[in-house]
Amino acid sequence: MTFGWSSDLRVVLVTGPIDFRAGVNRLASLIANELGRDPYSNEVYVFRSKRVDRLRLLHFDGSGMCMMSKWLEAGKFIWPPVQDGVIKLTSAQMALLLGGMDWRRLEQTPVKKPELVG
């Protein structure tokens, strides 16, 4: 599931559910007017449905707006908790979320910061 996104692409998870009848123009308007963000920036916006079994992604690729929908045949997307109005995920957790897997099961191994060699 890739659009050929660049490595500096930012992912914005929109915290509230949307009406899945909304099209590209309505979602771009929501991004600009309700989120105060630029829908034509180097960001992909991820929206969810009330049923939590559907995601919609919106991204401007430089030549046009791309919209992608994903519906799970079984189960629900595990949506991260909102803390201080923000959702933070690592890229690995995001890949699991978009894959319909439980991103909370990703166990991160703590890595000790290397000490300077003198």
PDB file of N, CA and C in Angstrom:
ATOM      1  N   MET A   1       0.839  -1.170   0.000  1.00  0.00           N
ATOM      2  CA  MET A   1       0.000   0.000   0.000  1.00  0.00           C
ATOM      3  C   MET A   1       0.883   1.232   0.000  1.00  0.00           C
ATOM      4  N   THR A   2       1.419   1.575  -1.113  1.00  0.00           N
ATOM      5  CA  THR A   2       2.258   2.762  -1.187  1.00  0.00           C
ATOM      6  C   THR A   2       1.883   3.588  -2.396  1.00  0.00           C
ATOM      7  N   PHE A   3       2.095   4.871  -2.279  1.00  0.00           N
ATOM      8  CA  PHE A   3       1.924   5.794  -3.385  1.00  0.00           C
ATOM      9  C   PHE A   3       3.284   6.219  -3.903  1.00  0.00           C
ATOM     10  N   GLY A   4       4.368   5.665  -3.415  1.00  0.00           N
ATOM     11  CA  GLY A   4       5.700   6.125  -3.767  1.00  0.00           C
ATOM     12  C   GLY A   4       6.057   7.378  -2.978  1.00  0.00           C
ATOM     13  N   TRP A   5       5.684   7.386  -1.704  1.00  0.00           N
ATOM     14  CA  TRP A   5       5.921   8.535  -0.852  1.00  0.00           C
ATOM     15  C   TRP A   5       7.390   8.709  -0.550  1.00  0.00           C
ATOM     16  N   SER A   6       7.791   9.955  -0.348  1.00  0.00           N
ATOM     17  CA  SER A   6       9.177  10.262  -0.016  1.00  0.00           C
ATOM     18  C   SER A   6       9.437   9.981   1.461  1.00  0.00           C
ATOM     19  N   SER A   7      10.704   9.871   1.816  1.00  0.00           N
ATOM     20  CA  SER A   7      11.067   9.540   3.198  1.00  0.00           C
ATOM     21  C   SER A   7      10.767  10.671   4.170  1.00  0.00           C
ATOM     22  N   ASP A   8      10.597  11.898   3.672  1.00  0.00           N
ATOM     23  CA  ASP A   8      10.302  13.015   4.573  1.00  0.00           C
ATOM     24  C   ASP A   8       8.804  13.279   4.704  1.00  0.00           C
ATOM     25  N   LEU A   9       7.974  12.377   4.195  1.00  0.00           N
ATOM     26  CA  LEU A   9       6.535  12.520   4.284  1.00  0.00           C
ATOM     27  C   LEU A   9       6.082  12.438   5.742  1.00  0.00           C
ATOM     28  N   ARG A  10       5.216  13.343   6.130  1.00  0.00           N
ATOM     29  CA  ARG A  10       4.638  13.327   7.473  1.00  0.00           C
ATOM     30  C   ARG A  10       3.246  12.735   7.394  1.00  0.00           C
ATOM     31  N   VAL A  11       2.880  11.959   8.404  1.00  0.00           N
ATOM     32  CA  VAL A  11       1.559  11.351   8.475  1.00  0.00           C
ATOM     33  C   VAL A  11       0.786  12.043   9.586  1.00  0.00           C
ATOM     34  N   VAL A  12      -0.420  12.502   9.267  1.00  0.00           N
ATOM     35  CA  VAL A  12      -1.279  13.165  10.233  1.00  0.00           C
ATOM     36  C   VAL A  12      -2.511  12.289  10.421  1.00  0.00           C
ATOM     37  N   LEU A  13      -2.692  11.765  11.632  1.00  0.00           N
ATOM     38  CA  LEU A  13      -3.880  10.989  11.950  1.00  0.00           C
ATOM     39  C   LEU A  13      -4.936  11.956  12.473  1.00  0.00           C
ATOM     40  N   VAL A  14      -6.059  12.032  11.792  1.00  0.00           N
ATOM     41  CA  VAL A  14      -7.148  12.900  12.228  1.00  0.00           C
ATOM     42  C   VAL A  14      -7.905  12.154  13.319  1.00  0.00           C
ATOM     43  N   THR A  15      -8.031  12.762  14.492  1.00  0.00           N
ATOM     44  CA  THR A  15      -8.482  12.041  15.681  1.00  0.00           C
ATOM     45  C   THR A  15      -9.951  11.644  15.678  1.00  0.00           C
ATOM     46  N   GLY A  16     -10.822  12.465  15.123  1.00  0.00           N
ATOM     47  CA  GLY A  16     -12.251  12.154  15.146  1.00  0.00           C
ATOM     48  C   GLY A  16     -12.696  11.415  13.907  1.00  0.00           C
ATOM     49  N   PRO A  17     -13.818  10.692  14.016  1.00  0.00           N
ATOM     50  CA  PRO A  17     -14.333   9.986  12.829  1.00  0.00           C
ATOM     51  C   PRO A  17     -14.932  10.965  11.830  1.00  0.00           C
ATOM     52  N   ILE A  18     -14.960  10.553  10.555  1.00  0.00           N
ATOM     53  CA  ILE A  18     -15.544  11.375   9.491  1.00  0.00           C
ATOM     54  C   ILE A  18     -16.693  10.624   8.840  1.00  0.00           C
ATOM     55  N   ASP A  19     -17.510  11.363   8.120  1.00  0.00           N
ATOM     56  CA  ASP A  19     -18.563  10.788   7.297  1.00  0.00           C
ATOM     57  C   ASP A  19     -17.898  10.263   6.028  1.00  0.00           C
ATOM     58  N   PHE A  20     -17.975   8.965   5.797  1.00  0.00           N
ATOM     59  CA  PHE A  20     -17.275   8.362   4.673  1.00  0.00           C
ATOM     60  C   PHE A  20     -17.904   8.668   3.324  1.00  0.00           C
ATOM     61  N   ARG A  21     -18.988   9.432   3.313  1.00  0.00           N
ATOM     62  CA  ARG A  21     -19.538   9.904   2.051  1.00  0.00           C
ATOM     63  C   ARG A  21     -18.761  11.110   1.543  1.00  0.00           C
ATOM     64  N   ALA A  22     -17.917  11.706   2.412  1.00  0.00           N
ATOM     65  CA  ALA A  22     -17.143  12.897   2.040  1.00  0.00           C
ATOM     66  C   ALA A  22     -16.121  12.534   0.970  1.00  0.00           C
ATOM     67  N   GLY A  23     -16.004  13.408  -0.013  1.00  0.00           N
ATOM     68  CA  GLY A  23     -15.047  13.208  -1.090  1.00  0.00           C
ATOM     69  C   GLY A  23     -13.790  14.033  -0.882  1.00  0.00           C
ATOM     70  N   VAL A  24     -12.976  14.098  -1.918  1.00  0.00           N
ATOM     71  CA  VAL A  24     -11.694  14.789  -1.863  1.00  0.00           C
ATOM     72  C   VAL A  24     -11.857  16.247  -1.453  1.00  0.00           C
ATOM     73  N   ASN A  25     -12.788  16.962  -2.084  1.00  0.00           N
ATOM     74  CA  ASN A  25     -12.948  18.386  -1.787  1.00  0.00           C
ATOM     75  C   ASN A  25     -13.376  18.629  -0.343  1.00  0.00           C
ATOM     76  N   ARG A  26     -14.299  17.833   0.159  1.00  0.00           N
ATOM     77  CA  ARG A  26     -14.754  17.989   1.552  1.00  0.00           C
ATOM     78  C   ARG A  26     -13.617  17.692   2.523  1.00  0.00           C
ATOM     79  N   LEU A  27     -12.833  16.660   2.267  1.00  0.00           N
ATOM     80  CA  LEU A  27     -11.727  16.323   3.168  1.00  0.00           C
ATOM     81  C   LEU A  27     -10.630  17.384   3.115  1.00  0.00           C
ATOM     82  N   ALA A  28     -10.328  17.897   1.932  1.00  0.00           N
ATOM     83  CA  ALA A  28      -9.333  18.972   1.814  1.00  0.00           C
ATOM     84  C   ALA A  28      -9.814  20.211   2.557  1.00  0.00           C
ATOM     85  N   SER A  29     -11.098  20.496   2.473  1.00  0.00           N
ATOM     86  CA  SER A  29     -11.676  21.629   3.198  1.00  0.00           C
ATOM     87  C   SER A  29     -11.581  21.415   4.709  1.00  0.00           C
ATOM     88  N   LEU A  30     -11.855  20.215   5.166  1.00  0.00           N
ATOM     89  CA  LEU A  30     -11.746  19.890   6.588  1.00  0.00           C
ATOM     90  C   LEU A  30     -10.309  20.084   7.074  1.00  0.00           C
ATOM     91  N   ILE A  31      -9.352  19.634   6.283  1.00  0.00           N
ATOM     92  CA  ILE A  31      -7.936  19.778   6.642  1.00  0.00           C
ATOM     93  C   ILE A  31      -7.574  21.252   6.783  1.00  0.00           C
ATOM     94  N   ALA A  32      -7.995  22.057   5.824  1.00  0.00           N
ATOM     95  CA  ALA A  32      -7.652  23.484   5.837  1.00  0.00           C
ATOM     96  C   ALA A  32      -8.415  24.255   6.907  1.00  0.00           C
ATOM     97  N   ASN A  33      -9.730  24.060   6.978  1.00  0.00           N
ATOM     98  CA  ASN A  33     -10.563  24.901   7.836  1.00  0.00           C
ATOM     99  C   ASN A  33     -10.678  24.427   9.274  1.00  0.00           C
ATOM    100  N   GLU A  34     -10.716  23.123   9.497  1.00  0.00           N
ATOM    101  CA  GLU A  34     -10.883  22.619  10.858  1.00  0.00           C
ATOM    102  C   GLU A  34      -9.557  22.257  11.524  1.00  0.00           C
ATOM    103  N   LEU A  35      -8.602  21.789  10.730  1.00  0.00           N
ATOM    104  CA  LEU A  35      -7.299  21.436  11.300  1.00  0.00           C
ATOM    105  C   LEU A  35      -6.285  22.557  11.165  1.00  0.00           C
ATOM    106  N   GLY A  36      -6.566  23.529  10.290  1.00  0.00           N
ATOM    107  CA  GLY A  36      -5.640  24.635  10.079  1.00  0.00           C
ATOM    108  C   GLY A  36      -4.342  24.211   9.414  1.00  0.00           C
ATOM    109  N   ARG A  37      -4.407  23.172   8.595  1.00  0.00           N
ATOM    110  CA  ARG A  37      -3.222  22.656   7.916  1.00  0.00           C
ATOM    111  C   ARG A  37      -3.389  22.834   6.411  1.00  0.00           C
ATOM    112  N   ASP A  38      -2.304  22.651   5.685  1.00  0.00           N
ATOM    113  CA  ASP A  38      -2.307  22.793   4.241  1.00  0.00           C
ATOM    114  C   ASP A  38      -2.514  21.422   3.599  1.00  0.00           C
ATOM    115  N   PRO A  39      -3.668  21.170   2.972  1.00  0.00           N
ATOM    116  CA  PRO A  39      -3.894  19.857   2.368  1.00  0.00           C
ATOM    117  C   PRO A  39      -2.980  19.568   1.181  1.00  0.00           C
ATOM    118  N   TYR A  40      -2.261  20.588   0.686  1.00  0.00           N
ATOM    119  CA  TYR A  40      -1.367  20.424  -0.458  1.00  0.00           C
ATOM    120  C   TYR A  40       0.094  20.361  -0.022  1.00  0.00           C
ATOM    121  N   SER A  41       0.322  20.067   1.254  1.00  0.00           N
ATOM    122  CA  SER A  41       1.685  19.945   1.772  1.00  0.00           C
ATOM    123  C   SER A  41       2.180  18.510   1.606  1.00  0.00           C
ATOM    124  N   ASN A  42       3.380  18.258   2.062  1.00  0.00           N
ATOM    125  CA  ASN A  42       3.966  16.917   1.979  1.00  0.00           C
ATOM    126  C   ASN A  42       3.520  16.088   3.182  1.00  0.00           C
ATOM    127  N   GLU A  43       2.208  15.975   3.344  1.00  0.00           N
ATOM    128  CA  GLU A  43       1.639  15.199   4.439  1.00  0.00           C
ATOM    129  C   GLU A  43       0.557  14.287   3.876  1.00  0.00           C
ATOM    130  N   VAL A  44       0.386  13.151   4.503  1.00  0.00           N
ATOM    131  CA  VAL A  44      -0.738  12.280   4.187  1.00  0.00           C
ATOM    132  C   VAL A  44      -1.657  12.322   5.407  1.00  0.00           C
ATOM    133  N   TYR A  45      -2.931  12.508   5.158  1.00  0.00           N
ATOM    134  CA  TYR A  45      -3.922  12.620   6.221  1.00  0.00           C
ATOM    135  C   TYR A  45      -4.697  11.315   6.288  1.00  0.00           C
ATOM    136  N   VAL A  46      -4.788  10.751   7.482  1.00  0.00           N
ATOM    137  CA  VAL A  46      -5.475   9.479   7.681  1.00  0.00           C
ATOM    138  C   VAL A  46      -6.733   9.755   8.498  1.00  0.00           C
ATOM    139  N   PHE A  47      -7.881   9.389   7.925  1.00  0.00           N
ATOM    140  CA  PHE A  47      -9.182   9.567   8.565  1.00  0.00           C
ATOM    141  C   PHE A  47      -9.751   8.196   8.885  1.00  0.00           C
ATOM    142  N   ARG A  48     -10.629   8.136   9.876  1.00  0.00           N
ATOM    143  CA  ARG A  48     -11.279   6.865  10.210  1.00  0.00           C
ATOM    144  C   ARG A  48     -12.784   7.038  10.191  1.00  0.00           C
ATOM    145  N   SER A  49     -13.480   5.925  10.068  1.00  0.00           N
ATOM    146  CA  SER A  49     -14.934   5.927  10.102  1.00  0.00           C
ATOM    147  C   SER A  49     -15.414   5.715  11.538  1.00  0.00           C
ATOM    148  N   LYS A  50     -16.680   5.952  11.761  1.00  0.00           N
ATOM    149  CA  LYS A  50     -17.254   5.707  13.090  1.00  0.00           C
ATOM    150  C   LYS A  50     -17.196   4.226  13.439  1.00  0.00           C
ATOM    151  N   ARG A  51     -17.328   3.370  12.429  1.00  0.00           N
ATOM    152  CA  ARG A  51     -17.318   1.922  12.663  1.00  0.00           C
ATOM    153  C   ARG A  51     -15.908   1.405  12.949  1.00  0.00           C
ATOM    154  N   VAL A  52     -14.899   2.176  12.694  1.00  0.00           N
ATOM    155  CA  VAL A  52     -13.488   1.872  12.931  1.00  0.00           C
ATOM    156  C   VAL A  52     -12.984   0.685  12.103  1.00  0.00           C
ATOM    157  N   ASP A  53     -13.716   0.309  11.061  1.00  0.00           N
ATOM    158  CA  ASP A  53     -13.237  -0.751  10.172  1.00  0.00           C
ATOM    159  C   ASP A  53     -12.810  -0.188   8.821  1.00  0.00           C
ATOM    160  N   ARG A  54     -12.772   1.160   8.723  1.00  0.00           N
ATOM    161  CA  ARG A  54     -12.430   1.804   7.466  1.00  0.00           C
ATOM    162  C   ARG A  54     -11.502   2.979   7.702  1.00  0.00           C
ATOM    163  N   LEU A  55     -10.548   3.129   6.790  1.00  0.00           N
ATOM    164  CA  LEU A  55      -9.641   4.272   6.806  1.00  0.00           C
ATOM    165  C   LEU A  55      -9.704   4.954   5.452  1.00  0.00           C
ATOM    166  N   ARG A  56      -9.464   6.233   5.450  1.00  0.00           N
ATOM    167  CA  ARG A  56      -9.348   6.975   4.200  1.00  0.00           C
ATOM    168  C   ARG A  56      -8.090   7.830   4.305  1.00  0.00           C
ATOM    169  N   LEU A  57      -7.254   7.780   3.283  1.00  0.00           N
ATOM    170  CA  LEU A  57      -6.020   8.557   3.238  1.00  0.00           C
ATOM    171  C   LEU A  57      -6.125   9.593   2.142  1.00  0.00           C
ATOM    172  N   LEU A  58      -5.639  10.792   2.422  1.00  0.00           N
ATOM    173  CA  LEU A  58      -5.636  11.867   1.442  1.00  0.00           C
ATOM    174  C   LEU A  58      -4.233  12.434   1.362  1.00  0.00           C
ATOM    175  N   HIS A  59      -3.734  12.605   0.124  1.00  0.00           N
ATOM    176  CA  HIS A  59      -2.366  13.094  -0.061  1.00  0.00           C
ATOM    177  C   HIS A  59      -2.257  13.812  -1.402  1.00  0.00           C
ATOM    178  N   PHE A  60      -1.617  14.969  -1.398  1.00  0.00           N
ATOM    179  CA  PHE A  60      -1.312  15.680  -2.628  1.00  0.00           C
ATOM    180  C   PHE A  60       0.078  15.259  -3.067  1.00  0.00           C
ATOM    181  N   ASP A  61       0.199  14.667  -4.257  1.00  0.00           N
ATOM    182  CA  ASP A  61       1.490  14.116  -4.704  1.00  0.00           C
ATOM    183  C   ASP A  61       2.293  15.069  -5.577  1.00  0.00           C
ATOM    184  N   GLY A  62       1.842  16.313  -5.703  1.00  0.00           N
ATOM    185  CA  GLY A  62       2.546  17.285  -6.523  1.00  0.00           C
ATOM    186  C   GLY A  62       1.844  17.562  -7.838  1.00  0.00           C
ATOM    187  N   SER A  63       1.066  16.587  -8.305  1.00  0.00           N
ATOM    188  CA  SER A  63       0.334  16.795  -9.552  1.00  0.00           C
ATOM    189  C   SER A  63      -1.169  16.678  -9.362  1.00  0.00           C
ATOM    190  N   GLY A  64      -1.584  16.132  -8.245  1.00  0.00           N
ATOM    191  CA  GLY A  64      -3.014  15.978  -7.977  1.00  0.00           C
ATOM    192  C   GLY A  64      -3.244  15.352  -6.622  1.00  0.00           C
ATOM    193  N   MET A  65      -4.491  15.358  -6.206  1.00  0.00           N
ATOM    194  CA  MET A  65      -4.872  14.817  -4.908  1.00  0.00           C
ATOM    195  C   MET A  65      -5.164  13.324  -5.055  1.00  0.00           C
ATOM    196  N   CYS A  66      -4.586  12.522  -4.168  1.00  0.00           N
ATOM    197  CA  CYS A  66      -4.812  11.076  -4.152  1.00  0.00           C
ATOM    198  C   CYS A  66      -5.659  10.737  -2.936  1.00  0.00           C
ATOM    199  N   MET A  67      -6.685   9.939  -3.142  1.00  0.00           N
ATOM    200  CA  MET A  67      -7.503   9.474  -2.024  1.00  0.00           C
ATOM    201  C   MET A  67      -7.575   7.960  -2.092  1.00  0.00           C
ATOM    202  N   MET A  68      -7.331   7.339  -0.963  1.00  0.00           N
ATOM    203  CA  MET A  68      -7.357   5.891  -0.891  1.00  0.00           C
ATOM    204  C   MET A  68      -8.234   5.479   0.277  1.00  0.00           C
ATOM    205  N   SER A  69      -9.025   4.457   0.081  1.00  0.00           N
ATOM    206  CA  SER A  69      -9.857   3.911   1.150  1.00  0.00           C
ATOM    207  C   SER A  69      -9.444   2.480   1.425  1.00  0.00           C
ATOM    208  N   LYS A  70      -9.521   2.103   2.689  1.00  0.00           N
ATOM    209  CA  LYS A  70      -9.254   0.712   3.056  1.00  0.00           C
ATOM    210  C   LYS A  70     -10.354   0.261   4.000  1.00  0.00           C
ATOM    211  N   TRP A  71     -10.986  -0.843   3.651  1.00  0.00           N
ATOM    212  CA  TRP A  71     -12.010  -1.441   4.483  1.00  0.00           C
ATOM    213  C   TRP A  71     -11.513  -2.800   4.926  1.00  0.00           C
ATOM    214  N   LEU A  72     -11.584  -3.068   6.200  1.00  0.00           N
ATOM    215  CA  LEU A  72     -11.215  -4.391   6.695  1.00  0.00           C
ATOM    216  C   LEU A  72     -12.397  -5.334   6.486  1.00  0.00           C
ATOM    217  N   GLU A  73     -12.136  -6.518   6.010  1.00  0.00           N
ATOM    218  CA  GLU A  73     -13.187  -7.520   5.834  1.00  0.00           C
ATOM    219  C   GLU A  73     -13.644  -8.072   7.175  1.00  0.00           C
ATOM    220  N   ALA A  74     -12.732  -8.101   8.141  1.00  0.00           N
ATOM    221  CA  ALA A  74     -13.065  -8.574   9.485  1.00  0.00           C
ATOM    222  C   ALA A  74     -12.243  -7.772  10.484  1.00  0.00           C
ATOM    223  N   GLY A  75     -12.807  -7.502  11.621  1.00  0.00           N
ATOM    224  CA  GLY A  75     -12.090  -6.792  12.672  1.00  0.00           C
ATOM    225  C   GLY A  75     -12.174  -5.288  12.528  1.00  0.00           C
ATOM    226  N   LYS A  76     -11.388  -4.611  13.345  1.00  0.00           N
ATOM    227  CA  LYS A  76     -11.380  -3.153  13.375  1.00  0.00           C
ATOM    228  C   LYS A  76      -9.949  -2.658  13.448  1.00  0.00           C
ATOM    229  N   PHE A  77      -9.746  -1.423  12.978  1.00  0.00           N
ATOM    230  CA  PHE A  77      -8.453  -0.786  13.143  1.00  0.00           C
ATOM    231  C   PHE A  77      -8.287  -0.410  14.613  1.00  0.00           C
ATOM    232  N   ILE A  78      -7.108  -0.667  15.153  1.00  0.00           N
ATOM    233  CA  ILE A  78      -6.804  -0.271  16.530  1.00  0.00           C
ATOM    234  C   ILE A  78      -6.288   1.153  16.471  1.00  0.00           C
ATOM    235  N   TRP A  79      -7.123   2.099  16.886  1.00  0.00           N
ATOM    236  CA  TRP A  79      -6.784   3.518  16.789  1.00  0.00           C
ATOM    237  C   TRP A  79      -6.014   3.928  18.040  1.00  0.00           C
ATOM    238  N   PRO A  80      -4.896   4.612  17.878  1.00  0.00           N
ATOM    239  CA  PRO A  80      -4.079   5.016  19.037  1.00  0.00           C
ATOM    240  C   PRO A  80      -4.811   6.019  19.917  1.00  0.00           C
ATOM    241  N   PRO A  81      -4.447   6.060  21.195  1.00  0.00           N
ATOM    242  CA  PRO A  81      -5.070   7.043  22.087  1.00  0.00           C
ATOM    243  C   PRO A  81      -4.588   8.454  21.755  1.00  0.00           C
ATOM    244  N   VAL A  82      -5.453   9.416  22.016  1.00  0.00           N
ATOM    245  CA  VAL A  82      -5.120  10.822  21.819  1.00  0.00           C
ATOM    246  C   VAL A  82      -4.580  11.353  23.143  1.00  0.00           C
ATOM    247  N   GLN A  83      -3.376  11.897  23.118  1.00  0.00           N
ATOM    248  CA  GLN A  83      -2.767  12.470  24.321  1.00  0.00           C
ATOM    249  C   GLN A  83      -2.375  13.899  24.011  1.00  0.00           C
ATOM    250  N   ASP A  84      -2.941  14.848  24.757  1.00  0.00           N
ATOM    251  CA  ASP A  84      -2.701  16.273  24.541  1.00  0.00           C
ATOM    252  C   ASP A  84      -3.049  16.685  23.114  1.00  0.00           C
ATOM    253  N   GLY A  85      -4.112  16.086  22.550  1.00  0.00           N
ATOM    254  CA  GLY A  85      -4.575  16.439  21.222  1.00  0.00           C
ATOM    255  C   GLY A  85      -3.734  15.890  20.089  1.00  0.00           C
ATOM    256  N   VAL A  86      -2.785  15.007  20.403  1.00  0.00           N
ATOM    257  CA  VAL A  86      -1.861  14.498  19.393  1.00  0.00           C
ATOM    258  C   VAL A  86      -1.803  12.980  19.467  1.00  0.00           C
ATOM    259  N   ILE A  87      -1.650  12.359  18.313  1.00  0.00           N
ATOM    260  CA  ILE A  87      -1.410  10.921  18.232  1.00  0.00           C
ATOM    261  C   ILE A  87       0.001  10.741  17.707  1.00  0.00           C
ATOM    262  N   LYS A  88       0.812   9.976  18.425  1.00  0.00           N
ATOM    263  CA  LYS A  88       2.182   9.733  17.980  1.00  0.00           C
ATOM    264  C   LYS A  88       2.391   8.240  17.772  1.00  0.00           C
ATOM    265  N   LEU A  89       2.891   7.914  16.584  1.00  0.00           N
ATOM    266  CA  LEU A  89       3.232   6.541  16.246  1.00  0.00           C
ATOM    267  C   LEU A  89       4.585   6.520  15.566  1.00  0.00           C
ATOM    268  N   THR A  90       5.306   5.435  15.748  1.00  0.00           N
ATOM    269  CA  THR A  90       6.521   5.243  14.969  1.00  0.00           C
ATOM    270  C   THR A  90       6.106   4.794  13.571  1.00  0.00           C
ATOM    271  N   SER A  91       7.039   4.800  12.637  1.00  0.00           N
ATOM    272  CA  SER A  91       6.710   4.355  11.278  1.00  0.00           C
ATOM    273  C   SER A  91       6.318   2.875  11.273  1.00  0.00           C
ATOM    274  N   ALA A  92       6.931   2.081  12.133  1.00  0.00           N
ATOM    275  CA  ALA A  92       6.580   0.660  12.213  1.00  0.00           C
ATOM    276  C   ALA A  92       5.155   0.493  12.754  1.00  0.00           C
ATOM    277  N   GLN A  93       4.795   1.269  13.773  1.00  0.00           N
ATOM    278  CA  GLN A  93       3.440   1.207  14.313  1.00  0.00           C
ATOM    279  C   GLN A  93       2.426   1.657  13.268  1.00  0.00           C
ATOM    280  N   MET A  94       2.766   2.678  12.486  1.00  0.00           N
ATOM    281  CA  MET A  94       1.872   3.168  11.441  1.00  0.00           C
ATOM    282  C   MET A  94       1.656   2.108  10.375  1.00  0.00           C
ATOM    283  N   ALA A  95       2.719   1.406  10.007  1.00  0.00           N
ATOM    284  CA  ALA A  95       2.590   0.331   9.014  1.00  0.00           C
ATOM    285  C   ALA A  95       1.652  -0.760   9.526  1.00  0.00           C
ATOM    286  N   LEU A  96       1.752  -1.093  10.811  1.00  0.00           N
ATOM    287  CA  LEU A  96       0.862  -2.091  11.387  1.00  0.00           C
ATOM    288  C   LEU A  96      -0.580  -1.594  11.409  1.00  0.00           C
ATOM    289  N   LEU A  97      -0.788  -0.332  11.790  1.00  0.00           N
ATOM    290  CA  LEU A  97      -2.136   0.247  11.813  1.00  0.00           C
ATOM    291  C   LEU A  97      -2.768   0.161  10.434  1.00  0.00           C
ATOM    292  N   LEU A  98      -2.051   0.607   9.403  1.00  0.00           N
ATOM    293  CA  LEU A  98      -2.592   0.584   8.048  1.00  0.00           C
ATOM    294  C   LEU A  98      -2.774  -0.829   7.525  1.00  0.00           C
ATOM    295  N   GLY A  99      -2.017  -1.780   8.078  1.00  0.00           N
ATOM    296  CA  GLY A  99      -2.160  -3.174   7.698  1.00  0.00           C
ATOM    297  C   GLY A  99      -3.289  -3.874   8.420  1.00  0.00           C
ATOM    298  N   GLY A 100      -3.988  -3.145   9.309  1.00  0.00           N
ATOM    299  CA  GLY A 100      -5.096  -3.730  10.048  1.00  0.00           C
ATOM    300  C   GLY A 100      -4.658  -4.590  11.210  1.00  0.00           C
ATOM    301  N   MET A 101      -3.385  -4.478  11.597  1.00  0.00           N
ATOM    302  CA  MET A 101      -2.863  -5.275  12.700  1.00  0.00           C
ATOM    303  C   MET A 101      -2.834  -4.450  13.979  1.00  0.00           C
ATOM    304  N   ASP A 102      -2.719  -5.110  15.091  1.00  0.00           N
ATOM    305  CA  ASP A 102      -2.687  -4.431  16.384  1.00  0.00           C
ATOM    306  C   ASP A 102      -1.295  -3.863  16.610  1.00  0.00           C
ATOM    307  N   TRP A 103      -1.130  -2.574  16.378  1.00  0.00           N
ATOM    308  CA  TRP A 103       0.166  -1.904  16.503  1.00  0.00           C
ATOM    309  C   TRP A 103       0.691  -1.936  17.935  1.00  0.00           C
ATOM    310  N   ARG A 104      -0.200  -2.157  18.911  1.00  0.00           N
ATOM    311  CA  ARG A 104       0.230  -2.179  20.314  1.00  0.00           C
ATOM    312  C   ARG A 104       1.085  -3.406  20.626  1.00  0.00           C
ATOM    313  N   ARG A 105       1.030  -4.404  19.760  1.00  0.00           N
ATOM    314  CA  ARG A 105       1.806  -5.625  19.988  1.00  0.00           C
ATOM    315  C   ARG A 105       3.252  -5.499  19.533  1.00  0.00           C
ATOM    316  N   LEU A 106       3.579  -4.383  18.917  1.00  0.00           N
ATOM    317  CA  LEU A 106       4.956  -4.143  18.501  1.00  0.00           C
ATOM    318  C   LEU A 106       5.777  -3.840  19.741  1.00  0.00           C
ATOM    319  N   GLU A 107       6.700  -4.699  20.025  1.00  0.00           N
ATOM    320  CA  GLU A 107       7.539  -4.512  21.210  1.00  0.00           C
ATOM    321  C   GLU A 107       8.832  -3.838  20.786  1.00  0.00           C
ATOM    322  N   GLN A 108       9.048  -2.671  21.347  1.00  0.00           N
ATOM    323  CA  GLN A 108      10.271  -1.954  21.030  1.00  0.00           C
ATOM    324  C   GLN A 108      11.362  -2.351  22.018  1.00  0.00           C
ATOM    325  N   THR A 109      12.512  -2.663  21.482  1.00  0.00           N
ATOM    326  CA  THR A 109      13.655  -3.011  22.312  1.00  0.00           C
ATOM    327  C   THR A 109      14.407  -1.732  22.641  1.00  0.00           C
ATOM    328  N   PRO A 110      14.501  -1.416  23.937  1.00  0.00           N
ATOM    329  CA  PRO A 110      15.247  -0.194  24.270  1.00  0.00           C
ATOM    330  C   PRO A 110      16.707  -0.324  23.906  1.00  0.00           C
ATOM    331  N   VAL A 111      17.254   0.733  23.340  1.00  0.00           N
ATOM    332  CA  VAL A 111      18.651   0.740  22.948  1.00  0.00           C
ATOM    333  C   VAL A 111      19.356   1.797  23.764  1.00  0.00           C
ATOM    334  N   LYS A 112      20.427   1.382  24.430  1.00  0.00           N
ATOM    335  CA  LYS A 112      21.200   2.300  25.234  1.00  0.00           C
ATOM    336  C   LYS A 112      22.021   3.200  24.318  1.00  0.00           C
ATOM    337  N   LYS A 113      22.008   4.475  24.610  1.00  0.00           N
ATOM    338  CA  LYS A 113      22.767   5.423  23.827  1.00  0.00           C
ATOM    339  C   LYS A 113      24.251   5.117  23.973  1.00  0.00           C
ATOM    340  N   PRO A 114      24.995   5.036  22.864  1.00  0.00           N
ATOM    341  CA  PRO A 114      26.428   4.748  22.953  1.00  0.00           C
ATOM    342  C   PRO A 114      27.168   5.874  23.690  1.00  0.00           C
ATOM    343  N   GLU A 115      28.169   5.459  24.414  1.00  0.00           N
ATOM    344  CA  GLU A 115      29.015   6.450  25.099  1.00  0.00           C
ATOM    345  C   GLU A 115      30.155   6.841  24.168  1.00  0.00           C
ATOM    346  N   LEU A 116      30.592   8.068  24.297  1.00  0.00           N
ATOM    347  CA  LEU A 116      31.701   8.531  23.464  1.00  0.00           C
ATOM    348  C   LEU A 116      32.975   7.777  23.832  1.00  0.00           C
ATOM    349  N   VAL A 117      33.696   7.417  22.809  1.00  0.00           N
ATOM    350  CA  VAL A 117      34.969   6.737  23.022  1.00  0.00           C
ATOM    351  C   VAL A 117      36.050   7.814  23.087  1.00  0.00           C
ATOM    352  N   GLY A 118      36.851   7.784  24.130  1.00  0.00           N
ATOM    353  CA  GLY A 118      37.819   8.850  24.350  1.00  0.00           C
ATOM    354  C   GLY A 118      39.172   8.554  23.967  1.00  0.00           C
TER     355      GLY A 118
END
